[in-house]
Amino acid sequence: MLRQLAIEVELVTCPGDFTTRITTLSPDLLVVDFDAPGVRAEILRAARAPRRTTPVIGLACYWSEREDAARQLADALVHKPPRMQEWVTQLRRLGITTAAA
């Protein structure tokens, strides 16, 4: 869905790889699925440490037990399954330009 908005996406599925990749890349945005197996708040804290200005969008299921953590650690929250308008709204709120009209 983000690619439809002309946002380049790099998928990292292993928490250890995530921490390594985030320190070697300079992303404009982090999207973290808080409901994915192995995703812990500590990983996000460690990943944000080098670049505290990088905005983070947290993904969480409606009524997820991890939604509170996502709200505390992320700059914005998108619920799963994400809807295009929700992405556009949160990205614009964070000052990220999209291809959406």
N, C-alpha and C. Protein backbone atom coordinates (compact mmCIF):
# COMPACT_ATOMS: atom_id res chain seq x y z
N MET A 1 0.81 -1.18 0.00
CA MET A 1 0.00 0.00 0.00
C MET A 1 0.87 1.26 0.00
N LEU A 2 1.98 1.24 0.73
CA LEU A 2 2.85 2.40 0.75
C LEU A 2 3.48 2.64 -0.62
N ARG A 3 3.77 1.58 -1.34
CA ARG A 3 4.33 1.75 -2.68
C ARG A 3 3.35 2.47 -3.61
N GLN A 4 2.06 2.26 -3.40
CA GLN A 4 1.05 2.97 -4.18
C GLN A 4 1.09 4.47 -3.92
N LEU A 5 1.63 4.85 -2.78
CA LEU A 5 1.77 6.26 -2.43
C LEU A 5 3.14 6.81 -2.81
N ALA A 6 3.90 6.04 -3.60
CA ALA A 6 5.24 6.40 -4.06
C ALA A 6 6.23 6.51 -2.90
N ILE A 7 6.07 5.65 -1.92
CA ILE A 7 6.99 5.58 -0.79
C ILE A 7 7.81 4.31 -0.94
N GLU A 8 9.13 4.47 -0.99
CA GLU A 8 10.01 3.32 -1.11
C GLU A 8 9.97 2.51 0.17
N VAL A 9 9.89 1.19 0.02
CA VAL A 9 9.73 0.31 1.16
C VAL A 9 10.85 -0.73 1.17
N GLU A 10 11.43 -0.94 2.34
CA GLU A 10 12.36 -2.04 2.53
C GLU A 10 11.83 -2.86 3.69
N LEU A 11 11.54 -4.11 3.43
CA LEU A 11 10.97 -4.99 4.43
C LEU A 11 12.06 -5.71 5.19
N VAL A 12 11.99 -5.65 6.50
CA VAL A 12 12.92 -6.37 7.37
C VAL A 12 12.06 -7.22 8.29
N THR A 13 12.25 -8.53 8.24
CA THR A 13 11.36 -9.42 8.99
C THR A 13 11.96 -9.96 10.29
N CYS A 14 13.26 -9.86 10.45
CA CYS A 14 13.91 -10.37 11.65
C CYS A 14 14.28 -9.20 12.57
N PRO A 15 13.86 -9.24 13.83
CA PRO A 15 14.18 -8.12 14.73
C PRO A 15 15.66 -7.78 14.80
N GLY A 16 16.53 -8.78 14.77
CA GLY A 16 17.97 -8.51 14.80
C GLY A 16 18.42 -7.77 13.56
N ASP A 17 17.90 -8.17 12.40
CA ASP A 17 18.22 -7.48 11.15
C ASP A 17 17.68 -6.05 11.16
N PHE A 18 16.54 -5.86 11.79
CA PHE A 18 15.94 -4.53 11.86
C PHE A 18 16.89 -3.56 12.55
N THR A 19 17.41 -3.96 13.69
CA THR A 19 18.31 -3.09 14.44
C THR A 19 19.58 -2.80 13.63
N THR A 20 20.11 -3.81 12.97
CA THR A 20 21.31 -3.61 12.14
C THR A 20 21.02 -2.69 10.97
N ARG A 21 19.92 -2.94 10.27
CA ARG A 21 19.58 -2.14 9.08
C ARG A 21 19.31 -0.68 9.43
N ILE A 22 18.65 -0.45 10.53
CA ILE A 22 18.28 0.91 10.88
C ILE A 22 19.51 1.75 11.21
N THR A 23 20.56 1.11 11.70
CA THR A 23 21.77 1.87 12.01
C THR A 23 22.62 2.12 10.76
N THR A 24 22.41 1.34 9.69
CA THR A 24 23.19 1.54 8.46
C THR A 24 22.44 2.35 7.42
N LEU A 25 21.12 2.43 7.51
CA LEU A 25 20.32 3.21 6.58
C LEU A 25 19.99 4.56 7.20
N SER A 26 19.49 5.44 6.40
CA SER A 26 18.98 6.72 6.90
C SER A 26 17.54 6.87 6.41
N PRO A 27 16.63 6.11 6.98
CA PRO A 27 15.26 6.14 6.47
C PRO A 27 14.55 7.45 6.82
N ASP A 28 13.59 7.81 5.98
CA ASP A 28 12.77 8.98 6.24
C ASP A 28 11.61 8.63 7.16
N LEU A 29 11.34 7.33 7.30
CA LEU A 29 10.20 6.87 8.07
C LEU A 29 10.44 5.42 8.51
N LEU A 30 10.01 5.09 9.71
CA LEU A 30 10.00 3.71 10.18
C LEU A 30 8.55 3.29 10.35
N VAL A 31 8.22 2.10 9.87
CA VAL A 31 6.90 1.51 10.11
C VAL A 31 7.16 0.21 10.87
N VAL A 32 6.59 0.12 12.06
CA VAL A 32 6.85 -1.02 12.93
C VAL A 32 5.53 -1.71 13.24
N ASP A 33 5.46 -3.00 12.94
CA ASP A 33 4.27 -3.79 13.25
C ASP A 33 4.40 -4.33 14.67
N PHE A 34 3.69 -3.71 15.59
CA PHE A 34 3.82 -4.08 17.00
C PHE A 34 3.21 -5.45 17.30
N ASP A 35 2.39 -5.98 16.42
CA ASP A 35 1.78 -7.28 16.65
C ASP A 35 2.58 -8.43 16.02
N ALA A 36 3.64 -8.11 15.30
CA ALA A 36 4.45 -9.15 14.67
C ALA A 36 5.25 -9.92 15.74
N PRO A 37 5.44 -11.21 15.53
CA PRO A 37 6.22 -11.99 16.50
C PRO A 37 7.64 -11.44 16.64
N GLY A 38 8.11 -11.34 17.85
CA GLY A 38 9.48 -10.90 18.10
C GLY A 38 9.66 -9.39 18.19
N VAL A 39 8.63 -8.63 17.90
CA VAL A 39 8.76 -7.18 17.97
C VAL A 39 8.56 -6.75 19.42
N ARG A 40 9.56 -6.14 19.95
CA ARG A 40 9.52 -5.69 21.33
C ARG A 40 9.81 -4.20 21.40
N ALA A 41 9.31 -3.57 22.39
CA ALA A 41 9.52 -2.13 22.56
C ALA A 41 11.01 -1.80 22.60
N GLU A 42 11.81 -2.68 23.20
CA GLU A 42 13.25 -2.42 23.31
C GLU A 42 13.90 -2.29 21.93
N ILE A 43 13.41 -3.07 20.97
CA ILE A 43 13.96 -3.01 19.62
C ILE A 43 13.73 -1.64 19.03
N LEU A 44 12.52 -1.13 19.19
CA LEU A 44 12.22 0.18 18.64
C LEU A 44 13.01 1.27 19.35
N ARG A 45 13.14 1.17 20.64
CA ARG A 45 13.93 2.16 21.38
C ARG A 45 15.38 2.16 20.89
N ALA A 46 15.94 0.99 20.71
CA ALA A 46 17.32 0.89 20.23
C ALA A 46 17.45 1.41 18.81
N ALA A 47 16.47 1.12 17.99
CA ALA A 47 16.52 1.55 16.59
C ALA A 47 16.41 3.06 16.46
N ARG A 48 15.64 3.69 17.32
CA ARG A 48 15.45 5.13 17.24
C ARG A 48 16.61 5.91 17.83
N ALA A 49 17.39 5.28 18.68
CA ALA A 49 18.45 5.99 19.39
C ALA A 49 19.39 6.79 18.47
N PRO A 50 19.88 6.20 17.36
CA PRO A 50 20.80 6.98 16.53
C PRO A 50 20.13 8.17 15.82
N ARG A 51 18.85 8.04 15.52
CA ARG A 51 18.14 9.08 14.76
C ARG A 51 16.80 9.38 15.43
N ARG A 52 16.83 10.11 16.46
CA ARG A 52 15.60 10.38 17.20
C ARG A 52 14.58 11.19 16.41
N THR A 53 15.00 11.81 15.33
CA THR A 53 14.07 12.62 14.54
C THR A 53 13.32 11.81 13.49
N THR A 54 13.69 10.56 13.26
CA THR A 54 13.00 9.74 12.27
C THR A 54 11.60 9.43 12.77
N PRO A 55 10.56 9.84 12.01
CA PRO A 55 9.20 9.53 12.46
C PRO A 55 8.91 8.03 12.39
N VAL A 56 8.09 7.58 13.31
CA VAL A 56 7.73 6.17 13.40
C VAL A 56 6.21 6.05 13.35
N ILE A 57 5.75 5.17 12.46
CA ILE A 57 4.33 4.80 12.43
C ILE A 57 4.24 3.39 12.96
N GLY A 58 3.44 3.21 13.98
CA GLY A 58 3.21 1.89 14.53
C GLY A 58 1.98 1.26 13.91
N LEU A 59 2.07 -0.01 13.61
CA LEU A 59 0.93 -0.79 13.13
C LEU A 59 0.44 -1.67 14.27
N ALA A 60 -0.86 -1.70 14.48
CA ALA A 60 -1.43 -2.55 15.52
C ALA A 60 -2.85 -2.91 15.14
N CYS A 61 -3.24 -4.12 15.49
CA CYS A 61 -4.62 -4.53 15.27
C CYS A 61 -5.53 -3.73 16.19
N TYR A 62 -6.76 -3.54 15.75
CA TYR A 62 -7.74 -2.94 16.64
C TYR A 62 -7.82 -3.80 17.90
N TRP A 63 -7.89 -3.18 19.03
CA TRP A 63 -7.99 -3.86 20.33
C TRP A 63 -6.79 -4.75 20.62
N SER A 64 -5.64 -4.41 20.07
CA SER A 64 -4.42 -5.16 20.35
C SER A 64 -3.93 -4.84 21.76
N GLU A 65 -3.37 -5.84 22.41
CA GLU A 65 -2.77 -5.63 23.73
C GLU A 65 -1.55 -4.73 23.63
N ARG A 66 -0.99 -4.60 22.46
CA ARG A 66 0.22 -3.80 22.27
C ARG A 66 -0.07 -2.39 21.76
N GLU A 67 -1.33 -2.06 21.60
CA GLU A 67 -1.67 -0.74 21.07
C GLU A 67 -1.16 0.39 21.97
N ASP A 68 -1.24 0.21 23.28
CA ASP A 68 -0.75 1.25 24.19
C ASP A 68 0.74 1.49 24.00
N ALA A 69 1.50 0.42 23.86
CA ALA A 69 2.95 0.56 23.62
C ALA A 69 3.20 1.25 22.29
N ALA A 70 2.44 0.90 21.28
CA ALA A 70 2.59 1.53 19.97
C ALA A 70 2.32 3.03 20.07
N ARG A 71 1.28 3.40 20.78
CA ARG A 71 0.95 4.82 20.94
C ARG A 71 2.03 5.58 21.70
N GLN A 72 2.66 4.93 22.68
CA GLN A 72 3.70 5.58 23.46
C GLN A 72 5.01 5.72 22.70
N LEU A 73 5.35 4.74 21.86
CA LEU A 73 6.64 4.72 21.20
C LEU A 73 6.63 5.27 19.78
N ALA A 74 5.48 5.28 19.16
CA ALA A 74 5.39 5.73 17.77
C ALA A 74 4.83 7.15 17.71
N ASP A 75 5.12 7.82 16.60
CA ASP A 75 4.61 9.18 16.39
C ASP A 75 3.20 9.16 15.86
N ALA A 76 2.81 8.03 15.28
CA ALA A 76 1.46 7.87 14.73
C ALA A 76 1.11 6.39 14.78
N LEU A 77 -0.17 6.11 14.69
CA LEU A 77 -0.64 4.73 14.74
C LEU A 77 -1.60 4.47 13.60
N VAL A 78 -1.38 3.35 12.90
CA VAL A 78 -2.28 2.90 11.84
C VAL A 78 -2.77 1.53 12.25
N HIS A 79 -4.07 1.34 12.20
CA HIS A 79 -4.65 0.05 12.58
C HIS A 79 -4.65 -0.92 11.42
N LYS A 80 -4.52 -2.20 11.76
CA LYS A 80 -4.57 -3.25 10.75
C LYS A 80 -5.97 -3.84 10.71
N PRO A 81 -6.47 -4.18 9.57
CA PRO A 81 -5.85 -3.96 8.27
C PRO A 81 -5.88 -2.48 7.90
N PRO A 82 -4.74 -1.95 7.42
CA PRO A 82 -4.68 -0.52 7.14
C PRO A 82 -5.53 -0.15 5.93
N ARG A 83 -6.09 1.02 6.01
CA ARG A 83 -6.84 1.59 4.88
C ARG A 83 -6.01 2.71 4.29
N MET A 84 -6.12 2.90 3.00
CA MET A 84 -5.33 3.91 2.30
C MET A 84 -5.51 5.29 2.94
N GLN A 85 -6.73 5.67 3.23
CA GLN A 85 -6.96 7.00 3.79
C GLN A 85 -6.29 7.17 5.15
N GLU A 86 -6.24 6.10 5.93
CA GLU A 86 -5.57 6.18 7.23
C GLU A 86 -4.07 6.42 7.06
N TRP A 87 -3.46 5.72 6.08
CA TRP A 87 -2.04 5.96 5.77
C TRP A 87 -1.82 7.41 5.37
N VAL A 88 -2.62 7.87 4.41
CA VAL A 88 -2.45 9.22 3.89
C VAL A 88 -2.57 10.25 5.02
N THR A 89 -3.58 10.09 5.86
CA THR A 89 -3.80 11.02 6.96
C THR A 89 -2.60 11.07 7.91
N GLN A 90 -2.12 9.91 8.31
CA GLN A 90 -1.00 9.87 9.27
C GLN A 90 0.30 10.35 8.64
N LEU A 91 0.55 9.99 7.38
CA LEU A 91 1.76 10.44 6.71
C LEU A 91 1.76 11.97 6.56
N ARG A 92 0.65 12.53 6.17
CA ARG A 92 0.56 13.99 6.05
C ARG A 92 0.75 14.66 7.41
N ARG A 93 0.17 14.07 8.45
CA ARG A 93 0.31 14.62 9.80
C ARG A 93 1.78 14.67 10.21
N LEU A 94 2.56 13.71 9.73
CA LEU A 94 4.00 13.66 10.03
C LEU A 94 4.83 14.49 9.06
N GLY A 95 4.17 15.12 8.08
CA GLY A 95 4.89 15.97 7.12
C GLY A 95 5.53 15.20 5.99
N ILE A 96 5.06 13.98 5.72
CA ILE A 96 5.62 13.16 4.66
C ILE A 96 4.74 13.26 3.43
N THR A 97 5.32 13.69 2.33
CA THR A 97 4.60 13.88 1.08
C THR A 97 4.34 12.54 0.41
N THR A 98 3.13 12.37 -0.10
CA THR A 98 2.76 11.15 -0.80
C THR A 98 2.26 11.47 -2.19
N ALA A 99 2.07 10.42 -2.98
CA ALA A 99 1.54 10.57 -4.32
C ALA A 99 0.02 10.67 -4.32
N ALA A 100 -0.62 10.56 -3.16
CA ALA A 100 -2.06 10.62 -3.07
C ALA A 100 -2.56 12.02 -3.39
N ALA A 101 -3.71 12.05 -4.01
CA ALA A 101 -4.28 13.36 -4.37
C ALA A 101 -4.81 14.08 -3.15
